[in-house]
PDB file of N, CA and C in Angstrom:
ATOM      1  N   MET A   1      -4.247  44.783  39.704  1.00  0.00           N
ATOM      2  CA  MET A   1      -4.048  43.101  39.285  1.00  0.00           C
ATOM      3  C   MET A   1      -2.920  43.369  38.097  1.00  0.00           C
ATOM      4  N   GLU A   2      -2.603  42.164  38.322  1.00  0.00           N
ATOM      5  CA  GLU A   2      -1.593  41.855  37.090  1.00  0.00           C
ATOM      6  C   GLU A   2      -1.780  40.450  36.419  1.00  0.00           C
ATOM      7  N   PHE A   3      -1.763  40.734  35.088  1.00  0.00           N
ATOM      8  CA  PHE A   3      -1.590  39.439  34.474  1.00  0.00           C
ATOM      9  C   PHE A   3      -0.732  39.110  33.456  1.00  0.00           C
ATOM     10  N   VAL A   4      -0.132  37.805  33.540  1.00  0.00           N
ATOM     11  CA  VAL A   4       1.061  37.495  32.961  1.00  0.00           C
ATOM     12  C   VAL A   4       0.947  36.358  32.113  1.00  0.00           C
ATOM     13  N   THR A   5       1.273  36.291  30.940  1.00  0.00           N
ATOM     14  CA  THR A   5       0.935  35.278  30.013  1.00  0.00           C
ATOM     15  C   THR A   5       2.411  35.002  29.518  1.00  0.00           C
ATOM     16  N   PHE A   6       2.604  33.338  29.723  1.00  0.00           N
ATOM     17  CA  PHE A   6       3.837  32.932  29.405  1.00  0.00           C
ATOM     18  C   PHE A   6       3.460  32.082  27.909  1.00  0.00           C
ATOM     19  N   LYS A   7       4.527  31.937  27.003  1.00  0.00           N
ATOM     20  CA  LYS A   7       4.011  30.984  26.233  1.00  0.00           C
ATOM     21  C   LYS A   7       5.284  30.435  25.703  1.00  0.00           C
ATOM     22  N   VAL A   8       5.270  28.985  26.096  1.00  0.00           N
ATOM     23  CA  VAL A   8       6.589  28.163  25.792  1.00  0.00           C
ATOM     24  C   VAL A   8       6.420  27.247  24.609  1.00  0.00           C
ATOM     25  N   ARG A   9       7.668  27.216  23.742  1.00  0.00           N
ATOM     26  CA  ARG A   9       7.165  26.748  22.604  1.00  0.00           C
ATOM     27  C   ARG A   9       8.543  25.518  22.518  1.00  0.00           C
ATOM     28  N   ALA A  10       8.514  24.267  22.497  1.00  0.00           N
ATOM     29  CA  ALA A  10       9.557  23.592  22.335  1.00  0.00           C
ATOM     30  C   ALA A  10       9.463  22.509  21.108  1.00  0.00           C
ATOM     31  N   SER A  11      10.449  22.246  20.736  1.00  0.00           N
ATOM     32  CA  SER A  11      10.763  21.160  19.524  1.00  0.00           C
ATOM     33  C   SER A  11      12.014  20.555  19.561  1.00  0.00           C
ATOM     34  N   LEU A  12      11.563  19.486  19.039  1.00  0.00           N
ATOM     35  CA  LEU A  12      12.819  18.351  18.857  1.00  0.00           C
ATOM     36  C   LEU A  12      13.520  18.920  17.370  1.00  0.00           C
ATOM     37  N   PRO A  13      14.916  18.472  17.133  1.00  0.00           N
ATOM     38  CA  PRO A  13      15.386  18.666  15.574  1.00  0.00           C
ATOM     39  C   PRO A  13      14.659  17.733  14.646  1.00  0.00           C
ATOM     40  N   GLU A  14      14.603  18.430  13.893  1.00  0.00           N
ATOM     41  CA  GLU A  14      14.079  17.730  12.581  1.00  0.00           C
ATOM     42  C   GLU A  14      14.971  16.730  11.940  1.00  0.00           C
ATOM     43  N   ARG A  15      14.137  15.051  11.774  1.00  0.00           N
ATOM     44  CA  ARG A  15      15.067  14.495  10.994  1.00  0.00           C
ATOM     45  C   ARG A  15      14.203  14.007   9.789  1.00  0.00           C
ATOM     46  N   PRO A  16      14.858  14.198   8.446  1.00  0.00           N
ATOM     47  CA  PRO A  16      14.184  13.468   7.578  1.00  0.00           C
ATOM     48  C   PRO A  16      13.821  11.989   7.544  1.00  0.00           C
ATOM     49  N   PHE A  17      12.505  11.832   7.357  1.00  0.00           N
ATOM     50  CA  PHE A  17      11.586  10.253   7.439  1.00  0.00           C
ATOM     51  C   PHE A  17      12.201   9.986   6.053  1.00  0.00           C
ATOM     52  N   ARG A  18      12.627   8.867   6.139  1.00  0.00           N
ATOM     53  CA  ARG A  18      12.961   8.172   4.554  1.00  0.00           C
ATOM     54  C   ARG A  18      12.640   6.664   4.592  1.00  0.00           C
ATOM     55  N   LEU A  19      12.136   5.989   4.194  1.00  0.00           N
ATOM     56  CA  LEU A  19      12.131   4.815   3.901  1.00  0.00           C
ATOM     57  C   LEU A  19      13.333   3.848   3.044  1.00  0.00           C
ATOM     58  N   PRO A  20      13.999   2.634   3.830  1.00  0.00           N
ATOM     59  CA  PRO A  20      14.632   2.549   2.911  1.00  0.00           C
ATOM     60  C   PRO A  20      14.493   1.640   2.090  1.00  0.00           C
ATOM     61  N   PRO A  21      14.993   1.269   0.941  1.00  0.00           N
ATOM     62  CA  PRO A  21      14.541   0.214  -0.156  1.00  0.00           C
ATOM     63  C   PRO A  21      14.334  -1.072  -0.038  1.00  0.00           C
ATOM     64  N   LEU A  22      13.479  -1.853  -0.392  1.00  0.00           N
ATOM     65  CA  LEU A  22      13.528  -3.255  -0.200  1.00  0.00           C
ATOM     66  C   LEU A  22      14.715  -3.829  -0.670  1.00  0.00           C
ATOM     67  N   GLU A  23      15.270  -5.008  -0.249  1.00  0.00           N
ATOM     68  CA  GLU A  23      15.834  -5.761  -0.937  1.00  0.00           C
ATOM     69  C   GLU A  23      15.558  -6.624  -2.124  1.00  0.00           C
ATOM     70  N   ARG A  24      16.330  -6.298  -2.964  1.00  0.00           N
ATOM     71  CA  ARG A  24      16.209  -7.084  -4.604  1.00  0.00           C
ATOM     72  C   ARG A  24      16.034  -8.412  -4.388  1.00  0.00           C
ATOM     73  N   ARG A  25      15.224  -9.249  -4.795  1.00  0.00           N
ATOM     74  CA  ARG A  25      14.955 -10.328  -4.900  1.00  0.00           C
ATOM     75  C   ARG A  25      13.900 -10.781  -5.708  1.00  0.00           C
ATOM     76  N   LYS A  26      14.471 -11.840  -6.396  1.00  0.00           N
ATOM     77  CA  LYS A  26      13.133 -12.388  -7.426  1.00  0.00           C
ATOM     78  C   LYS A  26      12.449 -13.307  -6.630  1.00  0.00           C
ATOM     79  N   GLY A  27      10.946 -13.499  -7.208  1.00  0.00           N
ATOM     80  CA  GLY A  27      10.224 -14.509  -6.746  1.00  0.00           C
ATOM     81  C   GLY A  27       8.872 -14.574  -7.586  1.00  0.00           C
ATOM     82  N   ARG A  28       8.073 -15.352  -7.248  1.00  0.00           N
ATOM     83  CA  ARG A  28       6.736 -15.670  -7.815  1.00  0.00           C
ATOM     84  C   ARG A  28       5.762 -15.032  -7.048  1.00  0.00           C
ATOM     85  N   ILE A  29       4.668 -14.297  -7.952  1.00  0.00           N
ATOM     86  CA  ILE A  29       3.526 -13.736  -7.112  1.00  0.00           C
ATOM     87  C   ILE A  29       2.619 -14.762  -6.826  1.00  0.00           C
ATOM     88  N   ASP A  30       2.720 -15.965  -7.127  1.00  0.00           N
ATOM     89  CA  ASP A  30       1.563 -16.963  -6.642  1.00  0.00           C
ATOM     90  C   ASP A  30       2.256 -17.390  -5.325  1.00  0.00           C
ATOM     91  N   GLU A  31       3.592 -17.170  -5.081  1.00  0.00           N
ATOM     92  CA  GLU A  31       3.848 -17.654  -3.512  1.00  0.00           C
ATOM     93  C   GLU A  31       3.395 -16.722  -2.707  1.00  0.00           C
ATOM     94  N   CYS A  32       3.061 -15.666  -3.084  1.00  0.00           N
ATOM     95  CA  CYS A  32       2.652 -14.564  -2.257  1.00  0.00           C
ATOM     96  C   CYS A  32       1.133 -14.542  -1.895  1.00  0.00           C
ATOM     97  N   ILE A  33      -0.127 -15.406  -2.456  1.00  0.00           N
ATOM     98  CA  ILE A  33      -1.297 -15.599  -2.446  1.00  0.00           C
ATOM     99  C   ILE A  33      -1.147 -16.536  -0.951  1.00  0.00           C
ATOM    100  N   LYS A  34      -1.970 -15.519  -0.419  1.00  0.00           N
ATOM    101  CA  LYS A  34      -2.575 -16.045   1.307  1.00  0.00           C
ATOM    102  C   LYS A  34      -3.963 -16.648   0.937  1.00  0.00           C
ATOM    103  N   GLY A  35      -4.686 -16.295   0.006  1.00  0.00           N
ATOM    104  CA  GLY A  35      -6.177 -17.359  -0.101  1.00  0.00           C
ATOM    105  C   GLY A  35      -6.955 -16.044  -0.758  1.00  0.00           C
ATOM    106  N   ARG A  36      -8.310 -16.222  -0.723  1.00  0.00           N
ATOM    107  CA  ARG A  36      -9.877 -15.674  -1.683  1.00  0.00           C
ATOM    108  C   ARG A  36     -10.536 -15.533  -0.547  1.00  0.00           C
ATOM    109  N   ARG A  37     -11.254 -14.579  -0.882  1.00  0.00           N
ATOM    110  CA  ARG A  37     -12.205 -13.909   0.175  1.00  0.00           C
ATOM    111  C   ARG A  37     -13.147 -13.294  -0.600  1.00  0.00           C
ATOM    112  N   PRO A  38     -14.804 -13.526  -0.172  1.00  0.00           N
ATOM    113  CA  PRO A  38     -15.730 -12.411  -0.717  1.00  0.00           C
ATOM    114  C   PRO A  38     -15.174 -11.095  -0.247  1.00  0.00           C
ATOM    115  N   ALA A  39     -15.249 -10.048  -1.034  1.00  0.00           N
ATOM    116  CA  ALA A  39     -15.390  -8.572  -0.401  1.00  0.00           C
ATOM    117  C   ALA A  39     -16.568  -7.559  -1.463  1.00  0.00           C
ATOM    118  N   PHE A  40     -16.985  -6.720  -1.117  1.00  0.00           N
ATOM    119  CA  PHE A  40     -17.905  -5.867  -1.354  1.00  0.00           C
ATOM    120  C   PHE A  40     -17.123  -5.247  -2.674  1.00  0.00           C
ATOM    121  N   SER A  41     -17.792  -5.223  -3.732  1.00  0.00           N
ATOM    122  CA  SER A  41     -17.297  -4.376  -4.664  1.00  0.00           C
ATOM    123  C   SER A  41     -18.470  -3.290  -4.998  1.00  0.00           C
ATOM    124  N   VAL A  42     -17.827  -2.032  -5.121  1.00  0.00           N
ATOM    125  CA  VAL A  42     -18.608  -0.716  -5.526  1.00  0.00           C
ATOM    126  C   VAL A  42     -19.115  -0.859  -6.756  1.00  0.00           C
ATOM    127  N   LEU A  43     -18.199  -1.174  -7.675  1.00  0.00           N
ATOM    128  CA  LEU A  43     -18.742  -1.240  -8.879  1.00  0.00           C
ATOM    129  C   LEU A  43     -19.621  -2.171  -9.561  1.00  0.00           C
ATOM    130  N   LYS A  44     -19.769  -3.433  -8.833  1.00  0.00           N
ATOM    131  CA  LYS A  44     -20.282  -4.717  -9.379  1.00  0.00           C
ATOM    132  C   LYS A  44     -21.416  -4.564  -8.064  1.00  0.00           C
ATOM    133  N   LYS A  45     -21.596  -3.901  -7.051  1.00  0.00           N
ATOM    134  CA  LYS A  45     -22.493  -3.598  -5.965  1.00  0.00           C
ATOM    135  C   LYS A  45     -22.782  -4.939  -5.451  1.00  0.00           C
ATOM    136  N   LYS A  46     -21.979  -5.709  -5.401  1.00  0.00           N
ATOM    137  CA  LYS A  46     -21.961  -7.256  -4.605  1.00  0.00           C
ATOM    138  C   LYS A  46     -20.811  -8.036  -3.892  1.00  0.00           C
ATOM    139  N   CYS A  47     -21.126  -8.753  -3.172  1.00  0.00           N
ATOM    140  CA  CYS A  47     -19.930  -9.532  -2.748  1.00  0.00           C
ATOM    141  C   CYS A  47     -19.082 -10.126  -3.816  1.00  0.00           C
ATOM    142  N   VAL A  48     -17.945 -10.092  -4.145  1.00  0.00           N
ATOM    143  CA  VAL A  48     -17.263 -10.990  -5.535  1.00  0.00           C
ATOM    144  C   VAL A  48     -15.969 -11.564  -4.814  1.00  0.00           C
ATOM    145  N   PRO A  49     -15.159 -12.469  -5.083  1.00  0.00           N
ATOM    146  CA  PRO A  49     -13.975 -13.039  -4.774  1.00  0.00           C
ATOM    147  C   PRO A  49     -13.044 -12.283  -5.160  1.00  0.00           C
ATOM    148  N   PHE A  50     -11.885 -12.232  -3.974  1.00  0.00           N
ATOM    149  CA  PHE A  50     -10.800 -11.354  -4.405  1.00  0.00           C
ATOM    150  C   PHE A  50      -9.607 -11.989  -3.828  1.00  0.00           C
ATOM    151  N   THR A  51      -8.411 -12.264  -4.521  1.00  0.00           N
ATOM    152  CA  THR A  51      -7.254 -12.622  -3.853  1.00  0.00           C
ATOM    153  C   THR A  51      -6.689 -11.776  -3.172  1.00  0.00           C
ATOM    154  N   VAL A  52      -6.219 -12.514  -1.604  1.00  0.00           N
ATOM    155  CA  VAL A  52      -5.396 -11.823  -0.945  1.00  0.00           C
ATOM    156  C   VAL A  52      -3.932 -12.267  -0.494  1.00  0.00           C
ATOM    157  N   TYR A  53      -3.096 -11.167  -0.759  1.00  0.00           N
ATOM    158  CA  TYR A  53      -1.949 -11.398  -0.765  1.00  0.00           C
ATOM    159  C   TYR A  53      -1.138 -11.245   0.713  1.00  0.00           C
ATOM    160  N   ASP A  54      -0.126 -11.751   0.826  1.00  0.00           N
ATOM    161  CA  ASP A  54       0.685 -11.771   2.101  1.00  0.00           C
ATOM    162  C   ASP A  54       1.706 -11.114   1.958  1.00  0.00           C
ATOM    163  N   ARG A  55       1.687  -9.476   2.578  1.00  0.00           N
ATOM    164  CA  ARG A  55       2.188  -8.555   2.196  1.00  0.00           C
ATOM    165  C   ARG A  55       3.807  -8.225   2.427  1.00  0.00           C
ATOM    166  N   LEU A  56       3.594  -9.449   3.403  1.00  0.00           N
ATOM    167  CA  LEU A  56       5.072  -9.517   4.058  1.00  0.00           C
ATOM    168  C   LEU A  56       6.505 -10.458   3.144  1.00  0.00           C
ATOM    169  N   LYS A  57       5.537 -11.351   2.172  1.00  0.00           N
ATOM    170  CA  LYS A  57       6.126 -11.936   1.426  1.00  0.00           C
ATOM    171  C   LYS A  57       6.263 -11.318  -0.021  1.00  0.00           C
ATOM    172  N   LEU A  58       5.915 -10.140  -0.181  1.00  0.00           N
ATOM    173  CA  LEU A  58       5.498  -9.514  -1.499  1.00  0.00           C
ATOM    174  C   LEU A  58       6.755  -9.015  -1.793  1.00  0.00           C
ATOM    175  N   PHE A  59       7.554  -8.640  -2.904  1.00  0.00           N
ATOM    176  CA  PHE A  59       9.079  -8.495  -3.126  1.00  0.00           C
ATOM    177  C   PHE A  59       8.971  -7.142  -4.051  1.00  0.00           C
ATOM    178  N   PRO A  60       9.840  -6.397  -4.298  1.00  0.00           N
ATOM    179  CA  PRO A  60       9.682  -5.040  -5.490  1.00  0.00           C
ATOM    180  C   PRO A  60       9.641  -5.372  -6.633  1.00  0.00           C
ATOM    181  N   ALA A  61       8.668  -4.588  -7.005  1.00  0.00           N
ATOM    182  CA  ALA A  61       8.339  -5.119  -8.786  1.00  0.00           C
ATOM    183  C   ALA A  61       7.219  -6.450  -8.596  1.00  0.00           C
ATOM    184  N   ALA A  62       6.843  -6.698  -7.751  1.00  0.00           N
ATOM    185  CA  ALA A  62       6.006  -7.683  -7.984  1.00  0.00           C
ATOM    186  C   ALA A  62       4.746  -7.449  -8.838  1.00  0.00           C
ATOM    187  N   ARG A  63       4.123  -8.021  -9.764  1.00  0.00           N
ATOM    188  CA  ARG A  63       2.774  -7.686 -10.748  1.00  0.00           C
ATOM    189  C   ARG A  63       1.927  -8.607 -10.309  1.00  0.00           C
ATOM    190  N   MET A  64       0.814  -7.896  -9.805  1.00  0.00           N
ATOM    191  CA  MET A  64      -0.297  -8.575  -9.940  1.00  0.00           C
ATOM    192  C   MET A  64      -1.186  -8.468 -10.592  1.00  0.00           C
ATOM    193  N   PRO A  65      -2.423  -9.299 -10.870  1.00  0.00           N
ATOM    194  CA  PRO A  65      -3.477  -9.218 -12.309  1.00  0.00           C
ATOM    195  C   PRO A  65      -4.402  -8.060 -11.601  1.00  0.00           C
ATOM    196  N   GLY A  66      -4.932  -7.322 -12.395  1.00  0.00           N
ATOM    197  CA  GLY A  66      -5.715  -6.267 -11.714  1.00  0.00           C
ATOM    198  C   GLY A  66      -5.543  -5.068 -12.283  1.00  0.00           C
ATOM    199  N   ARG A  67      -6.657  -4.265 -12.180  1.00  0.00           N
ATOM    200  CA  ARG A  67      -6.412  -2.612 -12.450  1.00  0.00           C
ATOM    201  C   ARG A  67      -6.523  -1.911 -11.106  1.00  0.00           C
ATOM    202  N   PRO A  68      -5.781  -0.917 -11.441  1.00  0.00           N
ATOM    203  CA  PRO A  68      -5.504   0.090 -10.446  1.00  0.00           C
ATOM    204  C   PRO A  68      -7.105   0.699 -10.023  1.00  0.00           C
ATOM    205  N   SER A  69      -7.492   0.823  -8.478  1.00  0.00           N
ATOM    206  CA  SER A  69      -8.623   1.438  -8.457  1.00  0.00           C
ATOM    207  C   SER A  69      -8.859   3.179  -9.149  1.00  0.00           C
ATOM    208  N   SER A  70      -7.476   3.738  -9.001  1.00  0.00           N
ATOM    209  CA  SER A  70      -7.802   5.185  -9.565  1.00  0.00           C
ATOM    210  C   SER A  70      -7.846   5.155 -11.003  1.00  0.00           C
ATOM    211  N   LYS A  71      -7.298   4.046 -11.739  1.00  0.00           N
ATOM    212  CA  LYS A  71      -7.865   4.116 -13.365  1.00  0.00           C
ATOM    213  C   LYS A  71      -8.980   2.974 -13.799  1.00  0.00           C
ATOM    214  N   LYS A  72      -9.969   3.752 -13.665  1.00  0.00           N
ATOM    215  CA  LYS A  72     -11.201   3.061 -13.833  1.00  0.00           C
ATOM    216  C   LYS A  72     -11.453   2.476 -15.380  1.00  0.00           C
ATOM    217  N   LYS A  73     -10.845   3.399 -16.115  1.00  0.00           N
ATOM    218  CA  LYS A  73     -10.593   2.671 -17.775  1.00  0.00           C
ATOM    219  C   LYS A  73      -9.526   2.063 -18.243  1.00  0.00           C
ATOM    220  N   SER A  74      -8.794   1.510 -17.497  1.00  0.00           N
ATOM    221  CA  SER A  74      -7.715   0.822 -18.019  1.00  0.00           C
ATOM    222  C   SER A  74      -8.182  -0.595 -18.446  1.00  0.00           C
ATOM    223  N   PRO A  75      -7.771  -1.336 -19.417  1.00  0.00           N
ATOM    224  CA  PRO A  75      -8.036  -2.687 -19.792  1.00  0.00           C
ATOM    225  C   PRO A  75      -8.110  -3.684 -18.548  1.00  0.00           C
ATOM    226  N   PRO A  76      -9.289  -4.899 -18.951  1.00  0.00           N
ATOM    227  CA  PRO A  76      -9.110  -5.794 -18.073  1.00  0.00           C
ATOM    228  C   PRO A  76      -8.106  -6.793 -17.817  1.00  0.00           C
ATOM    229  N   SER A  77      -7.151  -6.489 -18.627  1.00  0.00           N
ATOM    230  CA  SER A  77      -6.075  -7.520 -18.653  1.00  0.00           C
ATOM    231  C   SER A  77      -4.868  -6.823 -17.833  1.00  0.00           C
ATOM    232  N   SER A  78      -5.077  -5.486 -17.552  1.00  0.00           N
ATOM    233  CA  SER A  78      -3.996  -4.651 -16.778  1.00  0.00           C
ATOM    234  C   SER A  78      -3.539  -5.428 -15.450  1.00  0.00           C
ATOM    235  N   SER A  79      -2.390  -4.708 -14.793  1.00  0.00           N
ATOM    236  CA  SER A  79      -2.107  -5.157 -13.547  1.00  0.00           C
ATOM    237  C   SER A  79      -1.180  -3.977 -13.009  1.00  0.00           C
ATOM    238  N   VAL A  80      -0.759  -4.541 -11.669  1.00  0.00           N
ATOM    239  CA  VAL A  80      -0.439  -3.306 -10.867  1.00  0.00           C
ATOM    240  C   VAL A  80       0.879  -3.993 -10.576  1.00  0.00           C
ATOM    241  N   ARG A  81       1.714  -3.196 -10.000  1.00  0.00           N
ATOM    242  CA  ARG A  81       3.233  -3.457  -9.335  1.00  0.00           C
ATOM    243  C   ARG A  81       3.246  -2.662  -8.193  1.00  0.00           C
ATOM    244  N   THR A  82       3.926  -3.254  -7.234  1.00  0.00           N
ATOM    245  CA  THR A  82       4.628  -2.969  -6.081  1.00  0.00           C
ATOM    246  C   THR A  82       5.750  -2.164  -6.140  1.00  0.00           C
ATOM    247  N   ALA A  83       6.157  -1.066  -5.469  1.00  0.00           N
ATOM    248  CA  ALA A  83       7.077  -0.154  -5.438  1.00  0.00           C
ATOM    249  C   ALA A  83       8.495  -0.645  -4.510  1.00  0.00           C
ATOM    250  N   ALA A  84       9.275   0.228  -5.059  1.00  0.00           N
ATOM    251  CA  ALA A  84      10.540  -0.496  -4.584  1.00  0.00           C
ATOM    252  C   ALA A  84      11.153  -0.202  -3.273  1.00  0.00           C
ATOM    253  N   LEU A  85      10.125   0.739  -2.475  1.00  0.00           N
ATOM    254  CA  LEU A  85      10.559   1.479  -1.453  1.00  0.00           C
ATOM    255  C   LEU A  85       9.334   0.366  -0.336  1.00  0.00           C
ATOM    256  N   GLY A  86       9.554   0.151   0.962  1.00  0.00           N
ATOM    257  CA  GLY A  86       8.681  -0.899   1.992  1.00  0.00           C
ATOM    258  C   GLY A  86       7.704   0.123   2.415  1.00  0.00           C
ATOM    259  N   GLY A  87       6.699   0.149   2.894  1.00  0.00           N
ATOM    260  CA  GLY A  87       5.629   0.763   3.797  1.00  0.00           C
ATOM    261  C   GLY A  87       4.564   0.738   2.171  1.00  0.00           C
TER     262      GLY A  87
END
């Protein structure tokens, strides 16, 4: 009895994945608002109204009022900003 094992490994050439920078343009954040809807807040343990933004209308460095979810101790008057890269 003879056992033969073959192992084949194939791979494609690796290409670095890079997101292109978004085009630089000015805009107003209120033009990006799609509407408001209730969503559950873990901090308040109830549904509260949230602003919904149209992500296709957002532009680089757009400032939105609110606190980043990862920084719970930031002041209530803080804001978040979009990055310069798409995605």
